[in-house]
PDB file of N, CA and C in Angstrom:
ATOM      1  N   MET A   1      26.867  21.845  -1.414  1.00  0.00           N
ATOM      2  CA  MET A   1      26.221  21.215  -1.595  1.00  0.00           C
ATOM      3  C   MET A   1      24.867  21.843  -2.054  1.00  0.00           C
ATOM      4  N   PRO A   2      24.160  21.841  -3.837  1.00  0.00           N
ATOM      5  CA  PRO A   2      23.664  23.097  -4.422  1.00  0.00           C
ATOM      6  C   PRO A   2      22.118  22.872  -3.327  1.00  0.00           C
ATOM      7  N   ASP A   3      21.806  24.799  -3.337  1.00  0.00           N
ATOM      8  CA  ASP A   3      20.529  25.045  -2.702  1.00  0.00           C
ATOM      9  C   ASP A   3      19.241  24.237  -3.377  1.00  0.00           C
ATOM     10  N   GLY A   4      18.488  24.164  -2.370  1.00  0.00           N
ATOM     11  CA  GLY A   4      17.190  23.330  -2.327  1.00  0.00           C
ATOM     12  C   GLY A   4      17.221  21.810  -1.813  1.00  0.00           C
ATOM     13  N   THR A   5      18.692  21.508  -2.238  1.00  0.00           N
ATOM     14  CA  THR A   5      18.801  19.856  -1.996  1.00  0.00           C
ATOM     15  C   THR A   5      18.593  19.481  -0.182  1.00  0.00           C
ATOM     16  N   ARG A   6      18.616  20.157   0.698  1.00  0.00           N
ATOM     17  CA  ARG A   6      17.888  19.909   1.937  1.00  0.00           C
ATOM     18  C   ARG A   6      17.178  20.047   2.480  1.00  0.00           C
ATOM     19  N   PRO A   7      16.155  21.589   1.885  1.00  0.00           N
ATOM     20  CA  PRO A   7      15.080  21.143   2.320  1.00  0.00           C
ATOM     21  C   PRO A   7      14.161  20.224   1.546  1.00  0.00           C
ATOM     22  N   SER A   8      14.716  19.761   0.167  1.00  0.00           N
ATOM     23  CA  SER A   8      13.506  18.948  -0.582  1.00  0.00           C
ATOM     24  C   SER A   8      13.727  17.188   0.229  1.00  0.00           C
ATOM     25  N   ARG A   9      14.719  17.283   0.895  1.00  0.00           N
ATOM     26  CA  ARG A   9      14.805  15.786   1.114  1.00  0.00           C
ATOM     27  C   ARG A   9      14.588  15.737   2.219  1.00  0.00           C
ATOM     28  N   VAL A  10      14.685  17.438   3.317  1.00  0.00           N
ATOM     29  CA  VAL A  10      13.516  16.544   4.755  1.00  0.00           C
ATOM     30  C   VAL A  10      11.902  16.986   4.133  1.00  0.00           C
ATOM     31  N   SER A  11      11.933  17.458   3.465  1.00  0.00           N
ATOM     32  CA  SER A  11      10.316  17.091   2.756  1.00  0.00           C
ATOM     33  C   SER A  11       9.481  15.815   2.454  1.00  0.00           C
ATOM     34  N   GLU A  12      11.001  15.813   1.639  1.00  0.00           N
ATOM     35  CA  GLU A  12      10.602  13.710   1.273  1.00  0.00           C
ATOM     36  C   GLU A  12      10.225  12.993   2.784  1.00  0.00           C
ATOM     37  N   GLU A  13      11.475  13.470   3.869  1.00  0.00           N
ATOM     38  CA  GLU A  13      11.639  12.359   4.889  1.00  0.00           C
ATOM     39  C   GLU A  13       9.992  12.413   5.721  1.00  0.00           C
ATOM     40  N   PHE A  14       9.764  14.095   6.127  1.00  0.00           N
ATOM     41  CA  PHE A  14       8.518  14.464   6.461  1.00  0.00           C
ATOM     42  C   PHE A  14       7.038  13.966   5.852  1.00  0.00           C
ATOM     43  N   ARG A  15       7.159  13.901   4.340  1.00  0.00           N
ATOM     44  CA  ARG A  15       6.217  13.278   3.698  1.00  0.00           C
ATOM     45  C   ARG A  15       5.588  12.018   3.885  1.00  0.00           C
ATOM     46  N   GLU A  16       7.338  10.877   3.956  1.00  0.00           N
ATOM     47  CA  GLU A  16       7.303   9.911   4.877  1.00  0.00           C
ATOM     48  C   GLU A  16       6.289   9.221   6.449  1.00  0.00           C
ATOM     49  N   ILE A  17       6.829  10.547   7.086  1.00  0.00           N
ATOM     50  CA  ILE A  17       6.721  10.137   8.165  1.00  0.00           C
ATOM     51  C   ILE A  17       5.047  10.429   8.682  1.00  0.00           C
ATOM     52  N   LEU A  18       4.744  11.878   8.147  1.00  0.00           N
ATOM     53  CA  LEU A  18       2.934  12.314   8.203  1.00  0.00           C
ATOM     54  C   LEU A  18       2.302  10.946   7.526  1.00  0.00           C
ATOM     55  N   ALA A  19       2.583  10.533   6.205  1.00  0.00           N
ATOM     56  CA  ALA A  19       2.247   9.576   5.836  1.00  0.00           C
ATOM     57  C   ALA A  19       1.783   8.377   6.655  1.00  0.00           C
ATOM     58  N   GLU A  20       2.490   8.223   7.409  1.00  0.00           N
ATOM     59  CA  GLU A  20       2.780   6.726   8.412  1.00  0.00           C
ATOM     60  C   GLU A  20       2.082   6.821   9.468  1.00  0.00           C
ATOM     61  N   GLU A  21       2.168   7.829  10.113  1.00  0.00           N
ATOM     62  CA  GLU A  21       1.425   8.738  11.576  1.00  0.00           C
ATOM     63  C   GLU A  21       0.120   9.001  11.211  1.00  0.00           C
ATOM     64  N   ILE A  22      -0.391   9.873  10.242  1.00  0.00           N
ATOM     65  CA  ILE A  22      -1.416  10.301  10.307  1.00  0.00           C
ATOM     66  C   ILE A  22      -2.757   9.626  10.699  1.00  0.00           C
ATOM     67  N   PRO A  23      -2.270   8.422   9.344  1.00  0.00           N
ATOM     68  CA  PRO A  23      -3.879   7.230   9.643  1.00  0.00           C
ATOM     69  C   PRO A  23      -3.855   6.024  11.173  1.00  0.00           C
ATOM     70  N   LYS A  24      -2.426   6.542  12.223  1.00  0.00           N
ATOM     71  CA  LYS A  24      -2.512   6.206  13.392  1.00  0.00           C
ATOM     72  C   LYS A  24      -3.014   7.009  14.211  1.00  0.00           C
ATOM     73  N   LEU A  25      -3.736   8.196  13.970  1.00  0.00           N
ATOM     74  CA  LEU A  25      -4.099   9.073  14.825  1.00  0.00           C
ATOM     75  C   LEU A  25      -5.510   8.306  15.693  1.00  0.00           C
ATOM     76  N   LYS A  26      -5.818   8.391  16.779  1.00  0.00           N
ATOM     77  CA  LYS A  26      -7.083   8.472  17.037  1.00  0.00           C
ATOM     78  C   LYS A  26      -8.265   9.620  16.813  1.00  0.00           C
ATOM     79  N   ASP A  27      -8.495  10.453  16.277  1.00  0.00           N
ATOM     80  CA  ASP A  27      -9.059  11.229  16.472  1.00  0.00           C
ATOM     81  C   ASP A  27     -10.135  10.760  15.290  1.00  0.00           C
ATOM     82  N   PRO A  28     -11.419  10.731  15.647  1.00  0.00           N
ATOM     83  CA  PRO A  28     -12.587  10.326  14.729  1.00  0.00           C
ATOM     84  C   PRO A  28     -12.953  11.229  13.555  1.00  0.00           C
ATOM     85  N   ARG A  29     -12.500  12.239  13.723  1.00  0.00           N
ATOM     86  CA  ARG A  29     -12.933  13.038  12.729  1.00  0.00           C
ATOM     87  C   ARG A  29     -12.158  13.023  11.754  1.00  0.00           C
ATOM     88  N   ILE A  30     -10.849  12.766  11.617  1.00  0.00           N
ATOM     89  CA  ILE A  30     -10.009  12.629  10.436  1.00  0.00           C
ATOM     90  C   ILE A  30     -10.320  11.002   9.659  1.00  0.00           C
ATOM     91  N   GLY A  31     -10.801  11.488   8.340  1.00  0.00           N
ATOM     92  CA  GLY A  31     -11.252  10.418   7.158  1.00  0.00           C
ATOM     93  C   GLY A  31      -9.965   9.688   6.848  1.00  0.00           C
ATOM     94  N   PHE A  32      -9.806   9.576   5.467  1.00  0.00           N
ATOM     95  CA  PHE A  32      -9.060   8.485   4.607  1.00  0.00           C
ATOM     96  C   PHE A  32      -8.358   9.767   4.187  1.00  0.00           C
ATOM     97  N   VAL A  33      -6.822  10.092   4.224  1.00  0.00           N
ATOM     98  CA  VAL A  33      -6.197  11.229   4.067  1.00  0.00           C
ATOM     99  C   VAL A  33      -5.058  10.624   3.460  1.00  0.00           C
ATOM    100  N   THR A  34      -4.903  11.710   2.268  1.00  0.00           N
ATOM    101  CA  THR A  34      -3.390  10.736   1.740  1.00  0.00           C
ATOM    102  C   THR A  34      -2.985  12.649   1.593  1.00  0.00           C
ATOM    103  N   ILE A  35      -1.377  12.091   1.601  1.00  0.00           N
ATOM    104  CA  ILE A  35      -0.419  13.488   1.493  1.00  0.00           C
ATOM    105  C   ILE A  35       0.140  13.482   0.194  1.00  0.00           C
ATOM    106  N   THR A  36      -0.323  14.484  -0.543  1.00  0.00           N
ATOM    107  CA  THR A  36      -0.093  14.562  -1.896  1.00  0.00           C
ATOM    108  C   THR A  36       1.251  15.556  -2.132  1.00  0.00           C
ATOM    109  N   GLU A  37       1.415  16.103  -1.025  1.00  0.00           N
ATOM    110  CA  GLU A  37       3.452  17.188  -1.031  1.00  0.00           C
ATOM    111  C   GLU A  37       3.733  17.391   0.359  1.00  0.00           C
ATOM    112  N   VAL A  38       4.728  17.790   0.405  1.00  0.00           N
ATOM    113  CA  VAL A  38       5.205  18.365   1.480  1.00  0.00           C
ATOM    114  C   VAL A  38       6.485  19.588   1.077  1.00  0.00           C
ATOM    115  N   ARG A  39       6.269  20.593   1.631  1.00  0.00           N
ATOM    116  CA  ARG A  39       7.344  21.677   1.821  1.00  0.00           C
ATOM    117  C   ARG A  39       7.687  21.660   2.828  1.00  0.00           C
ATOM    118  N   VAL A  40       8.876  22.242   3.054  1.00  0.00           N
ATOM    119  CA  VAL A  40       9.766  22.818   3.835  1.00  0.00           C
ATOM    120  C   VAL A  40      10.124  24.191   3.546  1.00  0.00           C
ATOM    121  N   THR A  41      10.400  25.331   4.316  1.00  0.00           N
ATOM    122  CA  THR A  41      10.761  26.550   3.824  1.00  0.00           C
ATOM    123  C   THR A  41      12.384  26.058   4.060  1.00  0.00           C
ATOM    124  N   PRO A  42      13.118  27.002   2.956  1.00  0.00           N
ATOM    125  CA  PRO A  42      15.106  26.595   3.039  1.00  0.00           C
ATOM    126  C   PRO A  42      15.135  26.962   4.308  1.00  0.00           C
ATOM    127  N   ASP A  43      14.922  27.976   5.707  1.00  0.00           N
ATOM    128  CA  ASP A  43      15.312  27.840   6.941  1.00  0.00           C
ATOM    129  C   ASP A  43      14.526  27.001   7.622  1.00  0.00           C
ATOM    130  N   LEU A  44      13.934  25.769   7.216  1.00  0.00           N
ATOM    131  CA  LEU A  44      13.496  24.508   7.723  1.00  0.00           C
ATOM    132  C   LEU A  44      12.675  24.652   8.950  1.00  0.00           C
ATOM    133  N   ARG A  45      11.522  26.225   9.263  1.00  0.00           N
ATOM    134  CA  ARG A  45      11.166  26.600  10.053  1.00  0.00           C
ATOM    135  C   ARG A  45       9.327  25.993   9.553  1.00  0.00           C
ATOM    136  N   HIS A  46       9.259  26.400   8.903  1.00  0.00           N
ATOM    137  CA  HIS A  46       7.620  25.839   8.357  1.00  0.00           C
ATOM    138  C   HIS A  46       7.645  24.918   7.245  1.00  0.00           C
ATOM    139  N   CYS A  47       6.193  24.155   7.591  1.00  0.00           N
ATOM    140  CA  CYS A  47       6.157  22.866   6.555  1.00  0.00           C
ATOM    141  C   CYS A  47       4.875  23.265   5.884  1.00  0.00           C
ATOM    142  N   ARG A  48       4.594  22.918   4.811  1.00  0.00           N
ATOM    143  CA  ARG A  48       3.476  22.876   4.049  1.00  0.00           C
ATOM    144  C   ARG A  48       2.931  21.939   3.784  1.00  0.00           C
ATOM    145  N   VAL A  49       1.853  21.591   4.134  1.00  0.00           N
ATOM    146  CA  VAL A  49       1.466  19.844   3.991  1.00  0.00           C
ATOM    147  C   VAL A  49       0.057  20.010   3.318  1.00  0.00           C
ATOM    148  N   SER A  50       0.468  19.098   2.042  1.00  0.00           N
ATOM    149  CA  SER A  50      -1.039  19.161   1.513  1.00  0.00           C
ATOM    150  C   SER A  50      -1.402  18.057   1.232  1.00  0.00           C
ATOM    151  N   TYR A  51      -2.410  18.111   0.873  1.00  0.00           N
ATOM    152  CA  TYR A  51      -3.524  16.355   1.480  1.00  0.00           C
ATOM    153  C   TYR A  51      -4.494  16.321   0.471  1.00  0.00           C
ATOM    154  N   SER A  52      -5.138  15.657   0.274  1.00  0.00           N
ATOM    155  CA  SER A  52      -6.431  14.831  -0.185  1.00  0.00           C
ATOM    156  C   SER A  52      -7.406  14.148   1.185  1.00  0.00           C
ATOM    157  N   ALA A  53      -8.558  14.180   1.132  1.00  0.00           N
ATOM    158  CA  ALA A  53      -9.541  13.623   1.934  1.00  0.00           C
ATOM    159  C   ALA A  53     -10.636  13.491   1.057  1.00  0.00           C
ATOM    160  N   LEU A  54     -11.088  11.715   1.402  1.00  0.00           N
ATOM    161  CA  LEU A  54     -12.212  11.449   1.034  1.00  0.00           C
ATOM    162  C   LEU A  54     -13.707  11.768   1.812  1.00  0.00           C
ATOM    163  N   GLY A  55     -14.870  12.045   1.392  1.00  0.00           N
ATOM    164  CA  GLY A  55     -15.568  12.525   1.642  1.00  0.00           C
ATOM    165  C   GLY A  55     -16.792  13.118   1.601  1.00  0.00           C
ATOM    166  N   ASP A  56     -17.722  13.670   1.956  1.00  0.00           N
ATOM    167  CA  ASP A  56     -18.504  15.590   1.724  1.00  0.00           C
ATOM    168  C   ASP A  56     -18.012  16.734   2.478  1.00  0.00           C
ATOM    169  N   GLU A  57     -18.610  17.649   2.102  1.00  0.00           N
ATOM    170  CA  GLU A  57     -18.124  18.804   2.509  1.00  0.00           C
ATOM    171  C   GLU A  57     -17.592  18.768   4.195  1.00  0.00           C
ATOM    172  N   LYS A  58     -18.735  18.439   4.304  1.00  0.00           N
ATOM    173  CA  LYS A  58     -18.567  17.977   6.062  1.00  0.00           C
ATOM    174  C   LYS A  58     -17.495  17.422   6.901  1.00  0.00           C
ATOM    175  N   GLU A  59     -17.663  16.151   5.983  1.00  0.00           N
ATOM    176  CA  GLU A  59     -16.715  15.289   6.342  1.00  0.00           C
ATOM    177  C   GLU A  59     -14.794  15.439   5.960  1.00  0.00           C
ATOM    178  N   ARG A  60     -14.466  16.226   5.412  1.00  0.00           N
ATOM    179  CA  ARG A  60     -13.703  16.912   5.191  1.00  0.00           C
ATOM    180  C   ARG A  60     -13.412  18.311   5.679  1.00  0.00           C
ATOM    181  N   LYS A  61     -13.976  19.024   5.963  1.00  0.00           N
ATOM    182  CA  LYS A  61     -13.916  20.339   7.679  1.00  0.00           C
ATOM    183  C   LYS A  61     -13.511  19.245   8.434  1.00  0.00           C
ATOM    184  N   ALA A  62     -14.133  18.261   8.993  1.00  0.00           N
ATOM    185  CA  ALA A  62     -13.774  17.970  10.092  1.00  0.00           C
ATOM    186  C   ALA A  62     -12.231  17.261  10.225  1.00  0.00           C
ATOM    187  N   THR A  63     -12.372  16.649   9.115  1.00  0.00           N
ATOM    188  CA  THR A  63     -10.990  15.912   8.638  1.00  0.00           C
ATOM    189  C   THR A  63      -9.625  17.458   9.151  1.00  0.00           C
ATOM    190  N   ALA A  64     -10.071  18.302   8.080  1.00  0.00           N
ATOM    191  CA  ALA A  64      -9.157  19.755   9.007  1.00  0.00           C
ATOM    192  C   ALA A  64      -9.000  20.101  10.097  1.00  0.00           C
ATOM    193  N   ALA A  65     -10.077  20.158  10.650  1.00  0.00           N
ATOM    194  CA  ALA A  65     -10.019  20.335  12.268  1.00  0.00           C
ATOM    195  C   ALA A  65      -8.957  19.277  12.542  1.00  0.00           C
ATOM    196  N   GLY A  66      -9.278  18.200  12.734  1.00  0.00           N
ATOM    197  CA  GLY A  66      -8.765  16.622  13.543  1.00  0.00           C
ATOM    198  C   GLY A  66      -7.134  16.872  12.862  1.00  0.00           C
ATOM    199  N   LEU A  67      -7.265  17.494  11.735  1.00  0.00           N
ATOM    200  CA  LEU A  67      -5.614  17.502  11.286  1.00  0.00           C
ATOM    201  C   LEU A  67      -4.758  18.701  12.351  1.00  0.00           C
ATOM    202  N   ARG A  68      -5.543  20.047  12.160  1.00  0.00           N
ATOM    203  CA  ARG A  68      -4.939  21.198  12.717  1.00  0.00           C
ATOM    204  C   ARG A  68      -4.802  20.377  14.309  1.00  0.00           C
ATOM    205  N   SER A  69      -5.775  20.230  14.970  1.00  0.00           N
ATOM    206  CA  SER A  69      -5.173  19.251  16.144  1.00  0.00           C
ATOM    207  C   SER A  69      -4.708  18.358  16.562  1.00  0.00           C
ATOM    208  N   ALA A  70      -4.194  17.997  16.081  1.00  0.00           N
ATOM    209  CA  ALA A  70      -2.823  17.215  15.721  1.00  0.00           C
ATOM    210  C   ALA A  70      -1.757  17.412  15.475  1.00  0.00           C
ATOM    211  N   ARG A  71      -1.722  19.266  14.997  1.00  0.00           N
ATOM    212  CA  ARG A  71      -0.101  19.447  14.753  1.00  0.00           C
ATOM    213  C   ARG A  71       1.034  19.138  15.887  1.00  0.00           C
ATOM    214  N   THR A  72       0.437  19.669  17.040  1.00  0.00           N
ATOM    215  CA  THR A  72       1.521  19.300  18.182  1.00  0.00           C
ATOM    216  C   THR A  72       2.002  18.175  18.364  1.00  0.00           C
ATOM    217  N   HIS A  73       1.153  16.743  18.302  1.00  0.00           N
ATOM    218  CA  HIS A  73       1.527  15.512  18.380  1.00  0.00           C
ATOM    219  C   HIS A  73       2.616  15.347  17.290  1.00  0.00           C
ATOM    220  N   LEU A  74       2.406  15.318  15.937  1.00  0.00           N
ATOM    221  CA  LEU A  74       2.842  15.163  14.243  1.00  0.00           C
ATOM    222  C   LEU A  74       4.472  15.803  14.510  1.00  0.00           C
ATOM    223  N   ARG A  75       4.235  17.054  14.844  1.00  0.00           N
ATOM    224  CA  ARG A  75       5.770  17.577  15.365  1.00  0.00           C
ATOM    225  C   ARG A  75       6.697  17.211  15.972  1.00  0.00           C
ATOM    226  N   GLN A  76       5.251  15.901  17.405  1.00  0.00           N
ATOM    227  CA  GLN A  76       6.769  15.717  18.470  1.00  0.00           C
ATOM    228  C   GLN A  76       6.895  14.346  17.799  1.00  0.00           C
ATOM    229  N   VAL A  77       6.205  13.844  16.372  1.00  0.00           N
ATOM    230  CA  VAL A  77       6.301  12.578  15.987  1.00  0.00           C
ATOM    231  C   VAL A  77       7.750  12.620  15.112  1.00  0.00           C
ATOM    232  N   ILE A  78       7.717  13.663  14.433  1.00  0.00           N
ATOM    233  CA  ILE A  78       8.893  14.320  13.214  1.00  0.00           C
ATOM    234  C   ILE A  78       9.949  14.479  14.182  1.00  0.00           C
ATOM    235  N   GLY A  79      10.129  15.254  15.692  1.00  0.00           N
ATOM    236  CA  GLY A  79      10.894  15.381  16.104  1.00  0.00           C
ATOM    237  C   GLY A  79      11.748  14.091  17.192  1.00  0.00           C
ATOM    238  N   ASP A  80      10.771  13.337  16.875  1.00  0.00           N
ATOM    239  CA  ASP A  80      11.677  11.938  17.219  1.00  0.00           C
ATOM    240  C   ASP A  80      12.615  11.213  16.244  1.00  0.00           C
ATOM    241  N   GLN A  81      12.090  11.603  15.124  1.00  0.00           N
ATOM    242  CA  GLN A  81      12.232  10.780  13.993  1.00  0.00           C
ATOM    243  C   GLN A  81      13.432  11.624  12.539  1.00  0.00           C
ATOM    244  N   VAL A  82      13.179  12.636  13.148  1.00  0.00           N
ATOM    245  CA  VAL A  82      14.195  13.562  12.447  1.00  0.00           C
ATOM    246  C   VAL A  82      14.813  14.569  13.445  1.00  0.00           C
ATOM    247  N   ARG A  83      16.582  14.506  13.296  1.00  0.00           N
ATOM    248  CA  ARG A  83      17.136  15.491  13.940  1.00  0.00           C
ATOM    249  C   ARG A  83      17.117  17.186  13.024  1.00  0.00           C
ATOM    250  N   LEU A  84      16.952  17.950  14.028  1.00  0.00           N
ATOM    251  CA  LEU A  84      16.617  19.522  13.147  1.00  0.00           C
ATOM    252  C   LEU A  84      17.111  20.092  14.703  1.00  0.00           C
ATOM    253  N   LYS A  85      17.994  21.132  14.359  1.00  0.00           N
ATOM    254  CA  LYS A  85      17.929  22.035  15.443  1.00  0.00           C
ATOM    255  C   LYS A  85      16.301  22.615  15.869  1.00  0.00           C
ATOM    256  N   PHE A  86      15.234  22.992  14.841  1.00  0.00           N
ATOM    257  CA  PHE A  86      14.068  23.427  14.930  1.00  0.00           C
ATOM    258  C   PHE A  86      13.256  22.449  14.475  1.00  0.00           C
ATOM    259  N   LEU A  87      11.658  22.245  15.516  1.00  0.00           N
ATOM    260  CA  LEU A  87      11.117  21.619  15.068  1.00  0.00           C
ATOM    261  C   LEU A  87      10.019  22.804  13.916  1.00  0.00           C
ATOM    262  N   PRO A  88       9.323  22.448  12.858  1.00  0.00           N
ATOM    263  CA  PRO A  88       8.722  23.015  11.811  1.00  0.00           C
ATOM    264  C   PRO A  88       7.320  23.619  12.002  1.00  0.00           C
ATOM    265  N   ASP A  89       6.849  24.997  12.232  1.00  0.00           N
ATOM    266  CA  ASP A  89       5.455  24.700  12.502  1.00  0.00           C
ATOM    267  C   ASP A  89       4.856  24.180  11.416  1.00  0.00           C
ATOM    268  N   LEU A  90       3.898  23.534  10.993  1.00  0.00           N
ATOM    269  CA  LEU A  90       2.601  22.476   9.991  1.00  0.00           C
ATOM    270  C   LEU A  90       1.892  23.247  10.147  1.00  0.00           C
ATOM    271  N   GLU A  91       0.963  23.119   8.458  1.00  0.00           N
ATOM    272  CA  GLU A  91       0.042  24.028   7.851  1.00  0.00           C
ATOM    273  C   GLU A  91      -0.251  23.264   7.036  1.00  0.00           C
ATOM    274  N   PHE A  92      -1.686  22.410   7.603  1.00  0.00           N
ATOM    275  CA  PHE A  92      -2.381  21.489   6.404  1.00  0.00           C
ATOM    276  C   PHE A  92      -2.912  22.598   5.269  1.00  0.00           C
ATOM    277  N   LEU A  93      -2.837  22.037   3.915  1.00  0.00           N
ATOM    278  CA  LEU A  93      -3.739  22.332   3.267  1.00  0.00           C
ATOM    279  C   LEU A  93      -4.507  21.806   2.133  1.00  0.00           C
ATOM    280  N   GLU A  94      -5.873  21.842   2.224  1.00  0.00           N
ATOM    281  CA  GLU A  94      -6.692  20.382   1.506  1.00  0.00           C
ATOM    282  C   GLU A  94      -6.302  20.633   0.110  1.00  0.00           C
ATOM    283  N   VAL A  95      -5.953  19.955  -0.618  1.00  0.00           N
ATOM    284  CA  VAL A  95      -5.991  20.002  -2.206  1.00  0.00           C
ATOM    285  C   VAL A  95      -6.913  19.710  -2.640  1.00  0.00           C
ATOM    286  N   ASP A  96      -8.092  20.410  -3.376  1.00  0.00           N
ATOM    287  CA  ASP A  96      -9.027  19.514  -4.019  1.00  0.00           C
ATOM    288  C   ASP A  96      -8.808  18.579  -5.275  1.00  0.00           C
ATOM    289  N   LEU A  97      -9.358  17.471  -5.064  1.00  0.00           N
ATOM    290  CA  LEU A  97      -9.132  16.718  -6.252  1.00  0.00           C
ATOM    291  C   LEU A  97      -9.609  17.102  -7.904  1.00  0.00           C
ATOM    292  N   ASP A  98     -11.058  17.090  -7.241  1.00  0.00           N
ATOM    293  CA  ASP A  98     -11.804  17.072  -8.670  1.00  0.00           C
ATOM    294  C   ASP A  98     -11.878  18.611  -9.137  1.00  0.00           C
ATOM    295  N   GLN A  99     -11.273  19.666  -8.424  1.00  0.00           N
ATOM    296  CA  GLN A  99     -10.617  20.867  -9.612  1.00  0.00           C
ATOM    297  C   GLN A  99      -9.481  20.305 -10.150  1.00  0.00           C
ATOM    298  N   ALA A 100      -8.459  19.641  -9.116  1.00  0.00           N
ATOM    299  CA  ALA A 100      -7.397  19.816 -10.175  1.00  0.00           C
ATOM    300  C   ALA A 100      -7.606  19.235 -11.525  1.00  0.00           C
ATOM    301  N   THR A 101      -8.371  17.743 -11.289  1.00  0.00           N
ATOM    302  CA  THR A 101      -8.723  16.856 -12.738  1.00  0.00           C
ATOM    303  C   THR A 101      -9.427  17.919 -13.846  1.00  0.00           C
ATOM    304  N   ARG A 102      -9.824  18.582 -13.155  1.00  0.00           N
ATOM    305  CA  ARG A 102     -11.116  19.787 -14.061  1.00  0.00           C
ATOM    306  C   ARG A 102      -9.702  20.774 -14.502  1.00  0.00           C
ATOM    307  N   ILE A 103      -9.224  21.328 -14.210  1.00  0.00           N
ATOM    308  CA  ILE A 103      -7.931  22.181 -14.567  1.00  0.00           C
ATOM    309  C   ILE A 103      -6.936  20.985 -15.463  1.00  0.00           C
ATOM    310  N   ASP A 104      -6.591  19.736 -15.500  1.00  0.00           N
ATOM    311  CA  ASP A 104      -5.932  19.426 -16.105  1.00  0.00           C
ATOM    312  C   ASP A 104      -6.846  19.280 -17.122  1.00  0.00           C
ATOM    313  N   ARG A 105      -7.765  18.969 -17.672  1.00  0.00           N
ATOM    314  CA  ARG A 105      -9.026  18.725 -18.657  1.00  0.00           C
ATOM    315  C   ARG A 105      -9.007  19.685 -19.531  1.00  0.00           C
ATOM    316  N   LEU A 106      -8.957  20.439 -19.102  1.00  0.00           N
ATOM    317  CA  LEU A 106      -9.261  22.214 -19.675  1.00  0.00           C
ATOM    318  C   LEU A 106      -7.605  22.637 -20.658  1.00  0.00           C
ATOM    319  N   LEU A 107      -6.136  22.739 -19.967  1.00  0.00           N
ATOM    320  CA  LEU A 107      -5.327  22.533 -20.315  1.00  0.00           C
ATOM    321  C   LEU A 107      -4.897  21.402 -21.672  1.00  0.00           C
ATOM    322  N   GLU A 108      -5.647  19.738 -21.099  1.00  0.00           N
ATOM    323  CA  GLU A 108      -5.532  19.524 -22.414  1.00  0.00           C
ATOM    324  C   GLU A 108      -6.471  19.877 -23.447  1.00  0.00           C
ATOM    325  N   GLN A 109      -7.519  20.361 -23.116  1.00  0.00           N
ATOM    326  CA  GLN A 109      -8.343  20.925 -24.279  1.00  0.00           C
ATOM    327  C   GLN A 109      -7.759  22.014 -24.947  1.00  0.00           C
ATOM    328  N   VAL A 110      -6.919  23.061 -24.223  1.00  0.00           N
ATOM    329  CA  VAL A 110      -6.570  24.622 -24.678  1.00  0.00           C
ATOM    330  C   VAL A 110      -5.237  23.903 -25.648  1.00  0.00           C
ATOM    331  N   ALA A 111      -4.527  22.746 -25.065  1.00  0.00           N
ATOM    332  CA  ALA A 111      -3.211  22.313 -25.716  1.00  0.00           C
ATOM    333  C   ALA A 111      -3.603  21.476 -27.161  1.00  0.00           C
ATOM    334  N   LYS A 112      -4.749  21.228 -27.190  1.00  0.00           N
ATOM    335  CA  LYS A 112      -5.416  20.058 -28.118  1.00  0.00           C
ATOM    336  C   LYS A 112      -5.955  21.300 -29.439  1.00  0.00           C
ATOM    337  N   GLU A 113      -6.989  22.255 -28.374  1.00  0.00           N
ATOM    338  CA  GLU A 113      -7.053  23.161 -29.762  1.00  0.00           C
ATOM    339  C   GLU A 113      -5.858  24.098 -30.659  1.00  0.00           C
ATOM    340  N   ARG A 114      -5.014  24.392 -29.646  1.00  0.00           N
ATOM    341  CA  ARG A 114      -3.386  24.909 -30.351  1.00  0.00           C
ATOM    342  C   ARG A 114      -3.168  24.187 -31.392  1.00  0.00           C
ATOM    343  N   ALA A 115      -3.140  23.161 -31.285  1.00  0.00           N
ATOM    344  CA  ALA A 115      -2.614  22.459 -32.114  1.00  0.00           C
ATOM    345  C   ALA A 115      -3.523  22.285 -33.500  1.00  0.00           C
ATOM    346  N   GLU A 116      -4.555  21.979 -33.217  1.00  0.00           N
ATOM    347  CA  GLU A 116      -5.253  22.419 -34.472  1.00  0.00           C
ATOM    348  C   GLU A 116      -5.673  23.189 -34.862  1.00  0.00           C
ATOM    349  N   ALA A 117      -5.701  24.347 -34.525  1.00  0.00           N
ATOM    350  CA  ALA A 117      -5.322  25.194 -34.828  1.00  0.00           C
ATOM    351  C   ALA A 117      -4.332  25.972 -36.044  1.00  0.00           C
ATOM    352  N   GLY A 118      -2.936  25.044 -35.106  1.00  0.00           N
ATOM    353  CA  GLY A 118      -1.743  25.219 -35.571  1.00  0.00           C
ATOM    354  C   GLY A 118      -1.297  24.781 -37.053  1.00  0.00           C
ATOM    355  N   ASP A 119      -2.270  23.733 -37.115  1.00  0.00           N
ATOM    356  CA  ASP A 119      -2.398  22.866 -38.337  1.00  0.00           C
ATOM    357  C   ASP A 119      -2.770  22.905 -39.950  1.00  0.00           C
ATOM    358  N   GLU A 120      -4.104  24.203 -39.451  1.00  0.00           N
ATOM    359  CA  GLU A 120      -4.293  24.663 -40.610  1.00  0.00           C
ATOM    360  C   GLU A 120      -3.595  25.603 -41.117  1.00  0.00           C
TER     361      GLU A 120
END
């Protein structure tokens, strides 16, 4: 089995479980959350969950706090559905979609300017 295959499969399985379970959480602080990426370390002991959340800064901070407090429950849900020797620690990181969109636009602009400079 090639390196990275198992962690990538486990990451995808965790992403599916979390994407299904987070909307079921009863915590009123947690708003609309989209899981954008899940990465599990090769030893499967740590899991970094990237997500985006709708709302203003106050609502997004409340969502982050709600997700942090739900980590134990979410680990248990993962443990119930996936057979692993160890349950990984979950770390939630918010992805700023506005910033990502701005970076994409800037990269496109740089590529366009380089292409135009090369045509001269």
